[in-house]
């Protein structure tokens, strides 16, 4: 049976925190819907001390921001975007439009149609999340989205040059220096100066994730990508230092980021806990990482590999770093995860920043029913039907009429009956084919 050497916050504390977030977001969304640009300006001033003449950057302002980014940093941004673009293109290439004749004269098919307009949120409060621009904007551009707008909060009193560069080179059509719930609301609901989009994508803090949840239905969303989660699965083939490093490497995202160690070695578990304390004494971001570890960190010791798989699926973490003798066993047997990082040679930071897979991933157990952001999220798979012959229409019509009457839909049945009357009598050969 799995044993906890360390637990995070209890469920009641988490529930209370979630309630506060939900109420705050409800109020902000109501303000933006009612007062639009005026509310946006007031909220931006209140939360970010930012109220420029225009939240949208002009081309000259974009070029000025890019000029502040070093040549090496620009090259690195373009390298990362190339990896994301290449993988997204391979994913898109795997998706095919379909048309098939399922019965003589009956054609069914589907097309993958890009969403028309999306809004990309790029976090930038505690850290300027340059990589998030690649993940949403580049992937949407590969999918064929026609209008892509992007928002990021101000950083130290203005646009963050590297984020602007990443947005621009990624393919954003409009770039706004606007953060938080007010940015998500502006893109989703529209204002006098920002035309509403059809879908909101991108990660963010608990407030941004809650805003997307409340807006879902009025617009589409990619998924609920809230505070970062990481799960390290390890056996005694690795040591405490690398496990501690990978846990704190994600815990530094913020004080509400869960970091969990799952192992079948109590020695490794205790070594990792000791290493975490050592690293927190020297880590520059120990304030955030230490709070996350204190409040949300967990250490679980299992009796077997199979129990580790069951526990991992129960946790359904956003990031799962597997460092065991046979990491592919978890690839073959796990079902609930955002993304897997297999073996000690890879790590979550590679996926976050550069390797090419998308870092916008499900949190809060959403991995039980969805994967992360990918090119397919920006494509609507829409079906169509064609009936080419009188005989086919009459044959399908007879079946349809009877099934409609079975459910009590008389007018539905008449849609079928009128075609049976016009296009022919029952054709035994077609009826047998259908059966």
Protein backbone atom coordinates (compact mmCIF):
# COMPACT_ATOMS: atom_id res chain seq x y z
CA UNK A 1 0.00 0.00 0.00
CA UNK A 2 1.24 3.49 -0.85
CA UNK A 3 2.61 5.43 2.12
CA UNK A 4 2.90 9.21 2.36
CA UNK A 5 6.14 10.52 3.86
CA UNK A 6 4.90 14.05 3.14
CA UNK A 7 1.48 15.46 2.25
CA UNK A 8 0.36 18.77 0.78
CA UNK A 9 -2.53 21.01 1.84
CA UNK A 10 -5.75 19.30 2.87
CA UNK A 11 -8.79 19.38 0.62
CA UNK A 12 -10.67 21.94 2.72
CA UNK A 13 -7.88 24.52 2.39
CA UNK A 14 -7.75 24.00 -1.36
CA UNK A 15 -11.53 24.36 -1.61
CA UNK A 16 -11.49 27.63 0.31
CA UNK A 17 -8.76 29.02 -1.94
CA UNK A 18 -10.69 27.98 -5.05
CA UNK A 19 -13.83 29.73 -3.81
CA UNK A 20 -11.97 33.01 -3.33
CA UNK A 21 -10.54 32.78 -6.85
CA UNK A 22 -13.96 32.00 -8.36
CA UNK A 23 -15.65 34.98 -6.72
CA UNK A 24 -12.88 37.39 -7.71
CA UNK A 25 -13.00 36.25 -11.34
CA UNK A 26 -16.80 36.54 -11.51
CA UNK A 27 -16.55 40.16 -10.47
CA UNK A 28 -13.87 41.03 -13.01
CA UNK A 29 -15.70 39.37 -15.90
CA UNK A 30 -18.89 41.25 -15.02
CA UNK A 31 -17.03 44.56 -15.03
CA UNK A 32 -15.43 43.94 -18.43
CA UNK A 33 -18.69 42.82 -19.99
CA UNK A 34 -20.50 45.91 -18.75
CA UNK A 35 -17.91 48.66 -19.14
CA UNK A 36 -15.48 47.17 -21.67
CA UNK A 37 -12.44 49.41 -22.37
CA UNK A 38 -13.04 51.56 -19.31
CA UNK A 39 -13.03 48.49 -17.06
CA UNK A 40 -9.94 47.09 -18.78
CA UNK A 41 -8.03 50.29 -18.16
CA UNK A 42 -9.07 50.51 -14.50
CA UNK A 43 -8.26 46.86 -13.84
CA UNK A 44 -4.89 47.08 -15.55
CA UNK A 45 -4.00 50.14 -13.49
CA UNK A 46 -5.16 48.42 -10.31
CA UNK A 47 -3.41 45.08 -10.78
CA UNK A 48 -0.40 45.98 -12.95
CA UNK A 49 0.00 49.74 -12.50
CA UNK A 50 -0.25 49.93 -16.29
CA UNK A 51 -2.47 52.31 -18.28
CA UNK A 52 -0.89 53.21 -21.63
CA UNK A 53 -2.55 55.28 -24.32
CA UNK A 54 -3.10 52.10 -26.34
CA UNK A 55 -2.71 48.54 -25.04
CA UNK A 56 -2.03 47.31 -28.58
CA UNK A 57 1.55 47.64 -29.76
CA UNK A 58 2.17 49.39 -33.06
CA UNK A 59 4.60 47.94 -35.58
CA UNK A 60 7.15 50.57 -34.54
CA UNK A 61 6.78 49.56 -30.89
CA UNK A 62 7.17 45.90 -31.84
CA UNK A 63 10.34 46.64 -33.80
CA UNK A 64 11.68 48.72 -30.91
CA UNK A 65 11.09 45.87 -28.49
CA UNK A 66 12.77 43.34 -30.78
CA UNK A 67 15.80 45.62 -31.12
CA UNK A 68 16.33 45.27 -27.36
CA UNK A 69 16.71 41.49 -27.59
CA UNK A 70 20.23 40.15 -28.10
CA UNK A 71 21.14 38.31 -31.27
CA UNK A 72 21.74 35.08 -29.33
CA UNK A 73 18.35 35.31 -27.60
CA UNK A 74 16.60 35.92 -30.93
CA UNK A 75 18.37 32.90 -32.42
CA UNK A 76 17.34 30.77 -29.45
CA UNK A 77 13.72 31.91 -29.76
CA UNK A 78 13.69 31.08 -33.46
CA UNK A 79 15.30 27.67 -32.79
CA UNK A 80 12.62 26.81 -30.23
CA UNK A 81 9.85 27.98 -32.56
CA UNK A 82 11.26 25.82 -35.35
CA UNK A 83 11.03 22.75 -33.11
CA UNK A 84 7.45 23.56 -32.09
CA UNK A 85 6.46 24.36 -35.68
CA UNK A 86 7.99 21.15 -37.04
CA UNK A 87 6.24 18.90 -34.52
CA UNK A 88 2.92 20.72 -34.96
CA UNK A 89 3.20 20.27 -38.72
CA UNK A 90 3.86 16.55 -38.30
CA UNK A 91 0.78 16.34 -36.07
CA UNK A 92 -1.32 18.17 -38.64
CA UNK A 93 -0.03 15.90 -41.40
CA UNK A 94 -1.38 12.92 -39.44
CA UNK A 95 -4.91 14.35 -39.64
CA UNK A 96 -6.66 13.65 -42.92
CA UNK A 97 -9.92 14.84 -44.37
CA UNK A 98 -12.18 11.86 -45.03
CA UNK A 99 -14.78 10.93 -47.62
CA UNK A 100 -16.15 7.41 -47.93
CA UNK A 101 -19.09 5.70 -49.66
CA UNK A 102 -20.61 3.72 -46.77
CA UNK A 103 -23.49 2.32 -48.85
CA UNK A 104 -24.12 2.53 -52.58
CA UNK A 105 -24.96 6.18 -53.23
CA UNK A 106 -24.34 7.31 -49.60
CA UNK A 107 -21.30 9.54 -49.07
CA UNK A 108 -20.07 10.51 -45.59
CA UNK A 109 -17.08 12.63 -44.79
CA UNK A 110 -15.35 15.11 -42.53
CA UNK A 111 -13.15 18.15 -42.94
CA UNK A 112 -10.69 19.70 -40.47
CA UNK A 113 -11.54 23.41 -40.43
CA UNK A 114 -9.38 25.93 -38.53
CA UNK A 115 -10.98 28.15 -35.89
CA UNK A 116 -11.30 31.66 -37.34
CA UNK A 117 -9.94 33.78 -34.48
CA UNK A 118 -8.08 32.93 -31.29
CA UNK A 119 -6.68 34.82 -28.33
CA UNK A 120 -3.39 33.63 -26.83
CA UNK A 121 -2.54 34.45 -23.24
CA UNK A 122 1.17 34.50 -22.37
CA UNK A 123 1.89 34.67 -18.63
CA UNK A 124 4.47 37.20 -17.54
CA UNK A 125 3.94 38.24 -13.96
CA UNK A 126 6.45 36.36 -11.80
CA UNK A 127 8.39 35.15 -14.86
CA UNK A 128 8.19 36.28 -18.51
CA UNK A 129 6.95 33.06 -20.12
CA UNK A 130 8.48 33.55 -23.55
CA UNK A 131 7.96 29.90 -24.46
CA UNK A 132 4.19 30.14 -24.05
CA UNK A 133 4.09 32.36 -27.13
CA UNK A 134 5.62 29.55 -29.18
CA UNK A 135 3.19 26.97 -27.89
CA UNK A 136 -0.01 28.82 -28.71
CA UNK A 137 0.78 31.22 -31.55
CA UNK A 138 3.08 29.01 -33.63
CA UNK A 139 0.78 25.99 -33.27
CA UNK A 140 -2.30 28.02 -34.24
CA UNK A 141 -0.51 29.39 -37.29
CA UNK A 142 0.37 25.86 -38.41
CA UNK A 143 -3.30 24.91 -38.00
CA UNK A 144 -4.31 27.74 -40.33
CA UNK A 145 -6.08 30.09 -37.89
CA UNK A 146 -6.83 33.35 -39.73
CA UNK A 147 -6.62 35.88 -36.86
CA UNK A 148 -4.31 35.41 -33.89
CA UNK A 149 -4.15 37.99 -31.12
CA UNK A 150 -1.88 37.76 -28.11
CA UNK A 151 -1.79 39.32 -24.66
CA UNK A 152 0.95 39.40 -22.04
CA UNK A 153 1.13 41.52 -18.90
CA UNK A 154 3.60 44.38 -18.56
CA UNK A 155 6.97 43.45 -17.12
CA UNK A 156 8.82 46.07 -15.10
CA UNK A 157 6.71 48.87 -16.48
CA UNK A 158 6.39 47.94 -20.15
CA UNK A 159 6.27 45.19 -22.76
CA UNK A 160 8.79 42.42 -22.24
CA UNK A 161 11.05 42.57 -25.33
CA UNK A 162 11.62 38.82 -25.63
CA UNK A 163 7.89 38.01 -25.29
CA UNK A 164 7.09 40.59 -27.97
CA UNK A 165 9.75 39.07 -30.23
CA UNK A 166 8.36 35.58 -29.69
CA UNK A 167 4.81 36.75 -30.39
CA UNK A 168 5.85 38.58 -33.54
CA UNK A 169 8.04 35.82 -35.00
CA UNK A 170 5.45 33.24 -33.99
CA UNK A 171 2.89 34.95 -36.22
CA UNK A 172 0.61 37.04 -34.00
CA UNK A 173 -1.53 39.54 -35.91
CA UNK A 174 -2.20 41.79 -32.90
CA UNK A 175 -0.07 42.14 -29.76
CA UNK A 176 -1.43 43.67 -26.55
CA UNK A 177 0.39 44.50 -23.33
CA UNK A 178 -2.41 43.47 -21.02
CA UNK A 179 -2.44 40.85 -18.29
CA UNK A 180 -4.52 38.72 -16.00
CA UNK A 181 -8.24 38.06 -16.03
CA UNK A 182 -8.86 41.41 -17.71
CA UNK A 183 -6.83 40.29 -20.73
CA UNK A 184 -8.69 37.00 -21.03
CA UNK A 185 -12.02 38.80 -20.63
CA UNK A 186 -11.15 41.41 -23.26
CA UNK A 187 -10.22 38.77 -25.83
CA UNK A 188 -13.23 36.57 -25.09
CA UNK A 189 -15.94 39.21 -24.65
CA UNK A 190 -14.55 41.99 -26.83
CA UNK A 191 -14.33 45.70 -26.10
CA UNK A 192 -14.63 48.86 -28.17
CA UNK A 193 -11.00 48.41 -29.31
CA UNK A 194 -10.48 44.64 -29.14
CA UNK A 195 -12.61 42.44 -31.38
CA UNK A 196 -13.74 39.26 -29.64
CA UNK A 197 -12.20 35.93 -30.62
CA UNK A 198 -13.71 32.46 -30.91
CA UNK A 199 -11.28 30.64 -28.62
CA UNK A 200 -8.91 31.42 -25.72
CA UNK A 201 -5.71 29.43 -25.26
CA UNK A 202 -2.64 29.51 -23.08
CA UNK A 203 -1.63 28.77 -19.49
CA UNK A 204 -1.80 31.09 -16.51
CA UNK A 205 -2.26 31.31 -12.78
CA UNK A 206 -5.33 30.13 -10.89
CA UNK A 207 -7.25 33.31 -11.79
CA UNK A 208 -6.57 32.98 -15.51
CA UNK A 209 -7.56 29.31 -15.46
CA UNK A 210 -10.78 30.17 -13.60
CA UNK A 211 -11.57 32.93 -16.11
CA UNK A 212 -11.27 30.43 -18.94
CA UNK A 213 -13.50 27.99 -17.07
CA UNK A 214 -16.21 30.60 -16.55
CA UNK A 215 -16.02 31.80 -20.15
CA UNK A 216 -16.13 28.32 -21.69
CA UNK A 217 -19.25 28.00 -23.81
CA UNK A 218 -19.26 31.64 -24.81
CA UNK A 219 -15.88 30.92 -26.38
CA UNK A 220 -13.87 27.78 -26.77
CA UNK A 221 -10.83 27.07 -24.64
CA UNK A 222 -7.89 24.76 -25.08
CA UNK A 223 -8.05 23.29 -21.58
CA UNK A 224 -7.84 24.34 -17.94
CA UNK A 225 -4.11 24.94 -17.61
CA UNK A 226 -3.60 26.37 -14.14
CA UNK A 227 -0.59 26.36 -11.81
CA UNK A 228 2.16 23.98 -12.89
CA UNK A 229 2.15 20.42 -11.56
CA UNK A 230 4.99 17.92 -11.65
CA UNK A 231 5.24 14.27 -10.71
CA UNK A 232 8.63 12.55 -10.52
CA UNK A 233 8.47 8.75 -10.72
CA UNK A 234 11.79 7.21 -9.75
CA UNK A 235 13.46 4.06 -8.50
CA UNK A 236 16.92 3.56 -7.05
CA UNK A 237 18.56 3.71 -10.47
CA UNK A 238 18.79 7.49 -9.86
CA UNK A 239 19.75 9.57 -6.85
CA UNK A 240 18.16 12.19 -4.63
CA UNK A 241 19.93 15.13 -6.25
CA UNK A 242 18.39 14.68 -9.69
CA UNK A 243 14.93 13.98 -8.21
CA UNK A 244 15.12 17.09 -6.00
CA UNK A 245 16.32 19.20 -8.91
CA UNK A 246 13.45 18.10 -11.13
CA UNK A 247 10.88 18.70 -8.39
CA UNK A 248 12.10 22.19 -7.50
CA UNK A 249 12.61 23.00 -11.17
CA UNK A 250 8.84 23.08 -11.53
CA UNK A 251 7.90 24.14 -8.00
CA UNK A 252 9.57 27.49 -8.68
CA UNK A 253 6.67 28.39 -10.97
CA UNK A 254 4.77 29.59 -7.92
CA UNK A 255 3.66 28.84 -4.37
CA UNK A 256 0.64 26.78 -5.47
CA UNK A 257 2.52 24.41 -7.80
CA UNK A 258 2.28 20.77 -6.64
CA UNK A 259 5.51 18.75 -6.80
CA UNK A 260 5.21 15.03 -6.02
CA UNK A 261 7.78 12.26 -5.73
CA UNK A 262 6.52 8.72 -6.34
CA UNK A 263 9.01 5.95 -5.67
CA UNK A 264 9.42 2.36 -4.54
CA UNK A 265 12.59 3.22 -2.60
CA UNK A 266 12.22 4.77 0.85
CA UNK A 267 15.94 5.55 0.85
CA UNK A 268 15.58 7.55 -2.36
CA UNK A 269 12.53 9.31 -0.91
CA UNK A 270 14.40 10.43 2.18
CA UNK A 271 17.53 11.34 0.22
CA UNK A 272 15.39 13.49 -2.09
CA UNK A 273 13.76 15.28 0.83
CA UNK A 274 17.21 16.06 2.27
CA UNK A 275 18.45 17.30 -1.11
CA UNK A 276 15.43 19.57 -1.44
CA UNK A 277 16.29 21.26 1.85
CA UNK A 278 19.90 21.68 0.72
CA UNK A 279 18.91 23.15 -2.64
CA UNK A 280 16.36 25.51 -1.12
CA UNK A 281 19.19 27.10 0.85
CA UNK A 282 20.96 28.14 -2.35
CA UNK A 283 18.24 28.36 -5.03
CA UNK A 284 17.60 31.97 -6.19
CA UNK A 285 13.87 31.21 -6.56
CA UNK A 286 13.60 29.47 -3.19
CA UNK A 287 10.86 31.82 -2.01
CA UNK A 288 8.37 30.42 -4.53
CA UNK A 289 9.77 26.89 -4.75
CA UNK A 290 10.03 26.55 -0.99
CA UNK A 291 6.45 27.67 -0.40
CA UNK A 292 5.21 25.30 -3.10
CA UNK A 293 7.13 22.41 -1.56
CA UNK A 294 5.89 23.24 1.93
CA UNK A 295 2.22 23.58 0.97
CA UNK A 296 1.85 21.34 -2.07
CA UNK A 297 4.79 18.92 -2.03
CA UNK A 298 4.21 15.20 -1.50
CA UNK A 299 6.39 12.11 -1.18
CA UNK A 300 4.76 8.72 -1.74
CA UNK A 301 6.46 5.33 -1.33
CA UNK A 302 4.93 2.36 -3.14
CA UNK A 303 5.54 -1.38 -2.81
CA UNK A 304 5.75 -2.17 -6.53
CA UNK A 305 6.01 -0.74 -10.03
CA UNK A 306 2.36 -1.58 -10.72
CA UNK A 307 1.29 0.32 -7.61
CA UNK A 308 3.35 3.27 -8.85
CA UNK A 309 1.40 3.18 -12.11
CA UNK A 310 -1.92 3.14 -10.25
CA UNK A 311 -0.88 6.03 -8.00
CA UNK A 312 0.40 8.02 -10.97
CA UNK A 313 -2.92 7.58 -12.79
CA UNK A 314 -4.78 8.64 -9.64
CA UNK A 315 -2.68 11.80 -9.38
CA UNK A 316 -3.09 12.53 -13.14
CA UNK A 317 -0.32 15.10 -13.11
CA UNK A 318 0.39 17.70 -15.77
CA UNK A 319 4.08 16.74 -16.11
CA UNK A 320 5.35 13.25 -15.35
CA UNK A 321 9.11 12.71 -15.22
CA UNK A 322 9.93 8.98 -15.25
CA UNK A 323 13.41 7.95 -14.11
CA UNK A 324 13.32 4.18 -13.66
CA UNK A 325 15.14 1.21 -15.12
CA UNK A 326 12.32 0.73 -17.62
CA UNK A 327 10.60 4.09 -18.24
CA UNK A 328 8.81 2.72 -21.29
CA UNK A 329 6.74 0.52 -18.95
CA UNK A 330 5.01 3.68 -17.78
CA UNK A 331 4.52 4.83 -21.38
CA UNK A 332 2.81 1.52 -22.13
CA UNK A 333 0.69 1.37 -18.97
CA UNK A 334 -0.13 4.89 -17.75
CA UNK A 335 -3.32 6.54 -19.02
CA UNK A 336 -3.66 9.82 -17.08
CA UNK A 337 -0.96 12.43 -17.70
CA UNK A 338 -0.39 15.68 -19.55
CA UNK A 339 3.02 14.78 -20.96
CA UNK A 340 5.59 12.09 -20.17
CA UNK A 341 9.32 12.75 -19.90
CA UNK A 342 10.98 9.37 -20.16
CA UNK A 343 14.43 8.69 -18.75
CA UNK A 344 16.91 10.83 -16.86
CA UNK A 345 18.33 12.36 -20.06
CA UNK A 346 15.17 14.41 -20.61
CA UNK A 347 13.26 16.62 -18.19
CA UNK A 348 10.24 18.89 -17.97
CA UNK A 349 12.24 22.03 -18.72
CA UNK A 350 13.08 20.64 -22.17
CA UNK A 351 9.37 20.30 -22.91
CA UNK A 352 8.61 23.68 -21.36
CA UNK A 353 11.07 25.60 -23.47
CA UNK A 354 12.45 24.02 -26.59
CA UNK A 355 12.15 20.35 -27.50
CA UNK A 356 9.01 20.80 -29.64
CA UNK A 357 6.11 19.21 -27.76
CA UNK A 358 3.53 21.65 -26.42
CA UNK A 359 3.86 22.82 -22.82
CA UNK A 360 0.22 23.90 -22.36
CA UNK A 361 -1.06 20.84 -20.52
CA UNK A 362 -4.01 19.75 -18.34
CA UNK A 363 -3.91 20.37 -14.58
CA UNK A 364 -6.13 19.53 -11.59
CA UNK A 365 -6.71 15.97 -12.80
CA UNK A 366 -8.05 17.09 -16.20
CA UNK A 367 -5.55 14.63 -17.70
CA UNK A 368 -8.20 11.99 -16.95
CA UNK A 369 -10.18 13.22 -19.98
CA UNK A 370 -8.01 15.45 -22.15
CA UNK A 371 -4.52 15.83 -23.48
CA UNK A 372 -2.64 19.08 -23.89
CA UNK A 373 -2.71 21.83 -26.47
CA UNK A 374 -1.80 20.65 -29.96
CA UNK A 375 -2.53 21.60 -33.53
CA UNK A 376 -5.76 19.59 -33.49
CA UNK A 377 -7.21 21.86 -30.78
CA UNK A 378 -7.40 24.64 -33.35
CA UNK A 379 -9.18 22.45 -35.91
CA UNK A 380 -12.90 21.67 -35.92
CA UNK A 381 -13.63 18.23 -37.33
CA UNK A 382 -16.90 18.83 -39.17
CA UNK A 383 -18.88 16.10 -40.87
CA UNK A 384 -20.98 16.19 -44.04
CA UNK A 385 -23.30 13.82 -45.91
CA UNK A 386 -24.37 13.38 -49.52
CA UNK A 387 -26.98 10.99 -50.94
CA UNK A 388 -26.34 10.56 -54.64
CA UNK A 389 -29.19 8.35 -55.89
CA UNK A 390 -32.97 8.14 -55.60
CA UNK A 391 -32.69 4.52 -54.50
CA UNK A 392 -30.30 5.36 -51.66
CA UNK A 393 -32.49 8.19 -50.40
CA UNK A 394 -35.62 6.04 -50.41
CA UNK A 395 -33.87 3.14 -48.66
CA UNK A 396 -32.37 5.32 -45.90
CA UNK A 397 -35.70 7.14 -45.65
CA UNK A 398 -37.63 3.99 -44.74
CA UNK A 399 -35.26 3.12 -41.91
CA UNK A 400 -35.21 6.74 -40.73
CA UNK A 401 -39.01 7.02 -40.72
CA UNK A 402 -39.47 3.94 -38.55
CA UNK A 403 -36.76 5.03 -36.10
CA UNK A 404 -38.28 8.51 -35.80
CA UNK A 405 -41.72 7.05 -35.01
CA UNK A 406 -40.05 4.79 -32.42
CA UNK A 407 -38.96 7.96 -30.61
CA UNK A 408 -42.21 9.85 -31.18
CA UNK A 409 -40.84 12.40 -33.66
CA UNK A 410 -43.61 12.63 -36.25
CA UNK A 411 -42.21 15.66 -38.10
CA UNK A 412 -38.79 14.05 -38.23
CA UNK A 413 -40.42 11.00 -39.76
CA UNK A 414 -42.14 13.14 -42.38
CA UNK A 415 -38.75 14.49 -43.50
CA UNK A 416 -37.93 10.90 -44.40
CA UNK A 417 -41.38 10.01 -45.73
CA UNK A 418 -41.49 12.81 -48.27
CA UNK A 419 -38.30 11.48 -49.80
CA UNK A 420 -39.53 7.90 -49.81
CA UNK A 421 -42.62 9.08 -51.71
CA UNK A 422 -40.60 11.14 -54.18
CA UNK A 423 -37.63 8.90 -54.78
CA UNK A 424 -39.05 5.39 -54.90
CA UNK A 425 -40.42 2.35 -53.19
CA UNK A 426 -38.61 -0.02 -50.89
CA UNK A 427 -35.67 -1.61 -52.65
CA UNK A 428 -34.96 -5.03 -51.15
CA UNK A 429 -31.33 -5.04 -52.25
CA UNK A 430 -30.62 -1.73 -50.51
CA UNK A 431 -32.46 -2.80 -47.37
CA UNK A 432 -30.41 -5.96 -47.18
CA UNK A 433 -27.18 -3.99 -47.72
CA UNK A 434 -28.08 -1.71 -44.83
CA UNK A 435 -28.79 -4.66 -42.56
